Amino acid sequence: MPNCLIVPSILSADFSRLAEEVGAVVAAGADMIHFDVMDNHYVPNLTIGPQVCQALKPHTPVPIDVHLMVKPVDRIVPDFAKAGAAIISFHPEASEHVDRTIGLIHDCGCKAGLVFNPATPLNWLDHVLDKLDLVLIMSVNPGFGGQSFISEALAKLKAARARIDAVRSRTGREIRLEVDGGVKVDNIGAIARAGADTFVAGSAIFGSRDYKATIAAMRAAIAATCST
């Protein structure tokens, strides 16, 4: 399995001091910063846009991982690429032409990810997996932070991992398997065992008193799983 990454989601951060919060979790050992972009259309919430990403980019020495929960998606992709995103992920339901959106993200100089809601089948991967850099499995229904992990996501992670490993063995392409929703210290080991290598955590990190200790505990739980 590739090296595991811990990715705090600023959806659960203190928005009145975002730059400080980002700096704190990076200092605590975060590997990337996750931006949850919601449009009050595709999902029932409204969050942040590319201007916030651009403003935080100088304060973010690690890659910015943008998760677009917006429809339509193509219009906003170039804006986030210009704002400093390293990875841009989108939902297949939000794109008229999934293959074209993946190409647009790559043309903008970013890595491309495809996101699967709890009830979205993995069949989309039959046609585009060899062009992706990341597959994101949602373990909650998107739209709000602080939700509980949906256990059925574990089987979906295992199925996605099998597909990713098959592509890597055939082509050598590295594709990360990310999970988002309800990830905590007490379940991250089981999530890693199911095949995830990139872990988005919002309230579990930003809701803790000690970001560094929480991230370290997550890494320890993953390491314990991988060593068994």
Protein backbone atom coordinates (compact mmCIF):
# COMPACT_ATOMS: atom_id res chain seq x y z
CA MET A 1 0.00 0.00 0.00
CA PRO A 2 1.26 3.55 -0.71
CA ASN A 3 2.29 5.76 2.19
CA CYS A 4 -0.79 6.84 4.12
CA LEU A 5 -1.79 10.50 4.22
CA ILE A 6 -3.78 12.38 6.87
CA VAL A 7 -5.84 15.19 5.35
CA PRO A 8 -7.68 17.57 7.71
CA SER A 9 -10.85 19.08 6.28
CA ILE A 10 -11.23 22.79 6.98
CA LEU A 11 -15.01 22.34 6.93
CA SER A 12 -14.66 21.72 10.67
CA ALA A 13 -12.12 24.48 11.31
CA ASP A 14 -12.78 27.84 12.95
CA PHE A 15 -13.64 29.96 9.90
CA SER A 16 -12.87 33.17 11.78
CA ARG A 17 -9.17 32.21 11.78
CA LEU A 18 -8.70 29.82 8.88
CA ALA A 19 -5.08 30.72 8.11
CA GLU A 20 -4.12 30.07 11.72
CA GLU A 21 -6.02 26.78 11.76
CA VAL A 22 -4.37 25.60 8.55
CA GLY A 23 -0.95 26.50 9.90
CA ALA A 24 -1.67 24.64 13.11
CA VAL A 25 -2.68 21.35 11.48
CA VAL A 26 0.24 21.51 9.04
CA ALA A 27 2.58 22.00 11.99
CA ALA A 28 0.83 19.06 13.67
CA GLY A 29 1.70 16.77 10.75
CA ALA A 30 -1.06 17.10 8.15
CA ASP A 31 -0.04 15.84 4.70
CA MET A 32 -2.62 17.83 2.72
CA ILE A 33 -5.48 20.25 3.38
CA HIS A 34 -8.97 19.27 2.25
CA PHE A 35 -11.36 21.90 0.87
CA ASP A 36 -15.04 20.90 0.87
CA VAL A 37 -16.76 23.09 -1.72
CA MET A 38 -20.58 23.01 -1.50
CA ASP A 39 -23.01 24.96 -3.67
CA ASN A 40 -26.43 24.65 -1.95
CA HIS A 41 -27.57 22.93 -5.16
CA TYR A 42 -25.82 19.59 -5.57
CA VAL A 43 -25.66 19.36 -1.76
CA PRO A 44 -27.79 21.17 0.85
CA ASN A 45 -25.11 23.51 2.16
CA LEU A 46 -23.01 26.48 1.03
CA THR A 47 -19.35 26.75 1.96
CA ILE A 48 -16.28 28.28 0.31
CA GLY A 49 -15.14 29.29 -3.16
CA PRO A 50 -11.87 29.75 -5.04
CA GLN A 51 -11.14 33.14 -3.43
CA VAL A 52 -10.78 31.44 -0.05
CA CYS A 53 -8.47 28.85 -1.59
CA GLN A 54 -6.38 31.59 -3.16
CA ALA A 55 -6.19 33.51 0.12
CA LEU A 56 -5.07 30.43 2.07
CA LYS A 57 -2.59 29.13 -0.51
CA PRO A 58 0.34 31.28 0.82
CA HIS A 59 -0.33 29.83 4.29
CA THR A 60 -0.53 26.22 3.05
CA PRO A 61 2.86 24.59 2.40
CA VAL A 62 1.22 21.22 1.71
CA PRO A 63 -0.99 20.31 -1.29
CA ILE A 64 -4.58 21.57 -1.36
CA ASP A 65 -7.09 18.79 -2.02
CA VAL A 66 -10.31 20.31 -3.41
CA HIS A 67 -13.54 18.28 -3.28
CA LEU A 68 -16.15 19.88 -5.52
CA MET A 69 -19.73 19.20 -4.44
CA VAL A 70 -21.12 21.50 -7.11
CA LYS A 71 -23.25 21.15 -10.23
CA PRO A 72 -22.35 21.92 -12.96
CA VAL A 73 -18.69 21.30 -12.24
CA ASP A 74 -16.69 22.31 -15.33
CA ARG A 75 -17.18 26.05 -14.94
CA ILE A 76 -15.48 26.19 -11.54
CA VAL A 77 -12.54 23.82 -12.20
CA PRO A 78 -10.21 26.42 -13.81
CA ASP A 79 -10.89 28.87 -10.98
CA PHE A 80 -9.73 26.43 -8.30
CA ALA A 81 -6.74 25.40 -10.39
CA LYS A 82 -5.68 29.06 -10.62
CA ALA A 83 -6.34 29.48 -6.90
CA GLY A 84 -3.76 26.84 -6.02
CA ALA A 85 -5.46 23.45 -5.92
CA ALA A 86 -3.19 20.44 -6.43
CA ILE A 87 -6.01 17.87 -6.65
CA ILE A 88 -9.56 18.50 -7.83
CA SER A 89 -12.20 15.82 -7.29
CA PHE A 90 -15.79 15.81 -8.50
CA HIS A 91 -18.91 13.66 -8.47
CA PRO A 92 -19.88 11.87 -11.69
CA GLU A 93 -23.50 12.95 -11.22
CA ALA A 94 -22.36 16.59 -11.40
CA SER A 95 -20.70 16.28 -14.83
CA GLU A 96 -22.34 16.01 -18.23
CA HIS A 97 -19.23 14.25 -19.57
CA VAL A 98 -17.06 12.62 -16.90
CA ASP A 99 -14.15 11.87 -19.22
CA ARG A 100 -14.13 15.48 -20.44
CA THR A 101 -14.11 16.85 -16.89
CA ILE A 102 -11.16 14.63 -15.98
CA GLY A 103 -9.33 15.95 -19.04
CA LEU A 104 -10.16 19.54 -18.09
CA ILE A 105 -8.70 19.07 -14.61
CA HIS A 106 -5.51 17.63 -16.07
CA ASP A 107 -5.31 20.40 -18.67
CA CYS A 108 -5.48 22.92 -15.80
CA GLY A 109 -2.40 21.32 -14.26
CA CYS A 110 -4.08 19.45 -11.40
CA LYS A 111 -4.52 15.82 -10.46
CA ALA A 112 -8.04 14.49 -10.98
CA GLY A 113 -10.25 12.55 -8.60
CA LEU A 114 -13.69 10.97 -8.90
CA VAL A 115 -16.00 10.89 -5.87
CA PHE A 116 -18.55 8.20 -4.98
CA ASN A 117 -21.46 8.89 -2.67
CA PRO A 118 -22.68 6.01 -0.47
CA ALA A 119 -25.31 5.00 -3.06
CA THR A 120 -23.22 5.70 -6.18
CA PRO A 121 -21.96 2.48 -7.83
CA LEU A 122 -18.33 2.04 -8.76
CA ASN A 123 -19.27 1.21 -12.36
CA TRP A 124 -18.10 4.66 -13.50
CA LEU A 125 -14.56 3.39 -12.91
CA ASP A 126 -14.95 0.84 -15.69
CA HIS A 127 -14.37 3.61 -18.22
CA VAL A 128 -12.07 6.17 -16.57
CA LEU A 129 -10.01 4.62 -13.77
CA ASP A 130 -6.83 4.53 -15.84
CA LYS A 131 -7.07 8.34 -16.21
CA LEU A 132 -7.63 9.14 -12.54
CA ASP A 133 -5.12 10.08 -9.85
CA LEU A 134 -7.50 9.59 -6.93
CA VAL A 135 -10.73 7.79 -6.06
CA LEU A 136 -12.69 9.26 -3.15
CA ILE A 137 -15.19 7.08 -1.31
CA MET A 138 -17.71 9.05 0.73
CA SER A 139 -18.50 7.31 4.01
CA VAL A 140 -21.27 9.82 4.75
CA ASN A 141 -23.80 11.51 2.52
CA PRO A 142 -22.14 14.78 1.48
CA GLY A 143 -23.33 18.17 2.65
CA PHE A 144 -22.48 18.46 6.33
CA GLY A 145 -19.55 17.81 8.66
CA GLY A 146 -19.69 15.78 11.85
CA GLN A 147 -21.68 12.83 10.50
CA SER A 148 -21.16 9.21 11.57
CA PHE A 149 -19.23 6.76 9.41
CA ILE A 150 -21.44 4.52 7.23
CA SER A 151 -20.04 1.03 7.72
CA GLU A 152 -21.04 -0.15 4.24
CA ALA A 153 -18.24 2.08 2.92
CA LEU A 154 -15.72 -0.55 4.05
CA ALA A 155 -16.90 -3.03 1.42
CA LYS A 156 -16.85 -0.29 -1.19
CA LEU A 157 -13.28 0.62 -0.24
CA LYS A 158 -12.23 -3.01 -0.64
CA ALA A 159 -13.83 -3.17 -4.09
CA ALA A 160 -12.20 0.11 -5.14
CA ARG A 161 -8.82 -1.07 -3.84
CA ALA A 162 -9.05 -4.23 -5.96
CA ARG A 163 -9.76 -2.15 -9.07
CA ILE A 164 -6.93 0.27 -8.32
CA ASP A 165 -4.43 -2.51 -7.69
CA ALA A 166 -5.39 -4.16 -10.98
CA VAL A 167 -4.73 -0.96 -12.89
CA ARG A 168 -1.42 -0.41 -11.10
CA SER A 169 -0.24 -3.94 -11.85
CA ARG A 170 -1.16 -3.50 -15.51
CA THR A 171 0.03 0.06 -16.13
CA GLY A 172 2.13 1.14 -13.15
CA ARG A 173 -0.19 4.09 -12.56
CA GLU A 174 -0.38 5.32 -8.98
CA ILE A 175 -3.96 6.07 -7.88
CA ARG A 176 -4.73 7.07 -4.33
CA LEU A 177 -7.81 5.76 -2.50
CA GLU A 178 -9.27 8.46 -0.28
CA VAL A 179 -12.07 8.21 2.28
CA ASP A 180 -14.11 11.10 3.67
CA GLY A 181 -16.75 11.12 6.39
CA GLY A 182 -16.75 10.11 10.03
CA VAL A 183 -13.06 9.14 10.08
CA LYS A 184 -11.80 9.01 13.68
CA VAL A 185 -8.97 7.52 15.72
CA ASP A 186 -11.12 4.56 16.76
CA ASN A 187 -12.14 3.50 13.23
CA ILE A 188 -9.23 4.59 11.04
CA GLY A 189 -7.50 1.23 11.49
CA ALA A 190 -10.45 -0.68 10.06
CA ILE A 191 -10.70 1.86 7.23
CA ALA A 192 -7.02 1.36 6.39
CA ARG A 193 -7.51 -2.41 6.49
CA ALA A 194 -10.24 -2.01 3.88
CA GLY A 195 -7.72 -0.40 1.52
CA ALA A 196 -7.81 3.37 2.00
CA ASP A 197 -4.48 5.20 1.94
CA THR A 198 -5.68 8.81 2.21
CA PHE A 199 -7.85 9.82 5.16
CA VAL A 200 -9.91 13.01 5.32
CA ALA A 201 -10.82 13.95 8.88
CA GLY A 202 -12.63 17.12 9.93
CA SER A 203 -14.25 17.19 13.35
CA ALA A 204 -12.00 14.41 14.65
CA ILE A 205 -9.00 16.70 14.24
CA PHE A 206 -10.34 20.23 14.50
CA GLY A 207 -12.66 19.22 17.34
CA SER A 208 -9.77 17.86 19.40
CA ARG A 209 -7.74 19.84 21.90
CA ASP A 210 -4.39 18.66 20.54
CA TYR A 211 -4.14 18.42 16.74
CA LYS A 212 -0.67 16.88 16.85
CA ALA A 213 -1.67 14.17 19.31
CA THR A 214 -4.78 13.31 17.30
CA ILE A 215 -2.90 13.04 14.01
CA ALA A 216 -0.19 10.96 15.71
CA ALA A 217 -2.84 8.64 17.16
CA MET A 218 -4.35 8.20 13.70
CA ARG A 219 -0.97 7.31 12.23
CA ALA A 220 -0.35 4.84 15.06
CA ALA A 221 -3.71 3.13 14.46
CA ILE A 222 -2.95 2.84 10.74
CA ALA A 223 0.54 1.48 11.41
CA ALA A 224 -0.83 -1.09 13.85
CA THR A 225 -3.29 -2.26 11.22
CA CYS A 226 -0.71 -2.46 8.44
CA SER A 227 1.70 -4.44 10.61
CA THR A 228 -0.83 -7.18 11.44
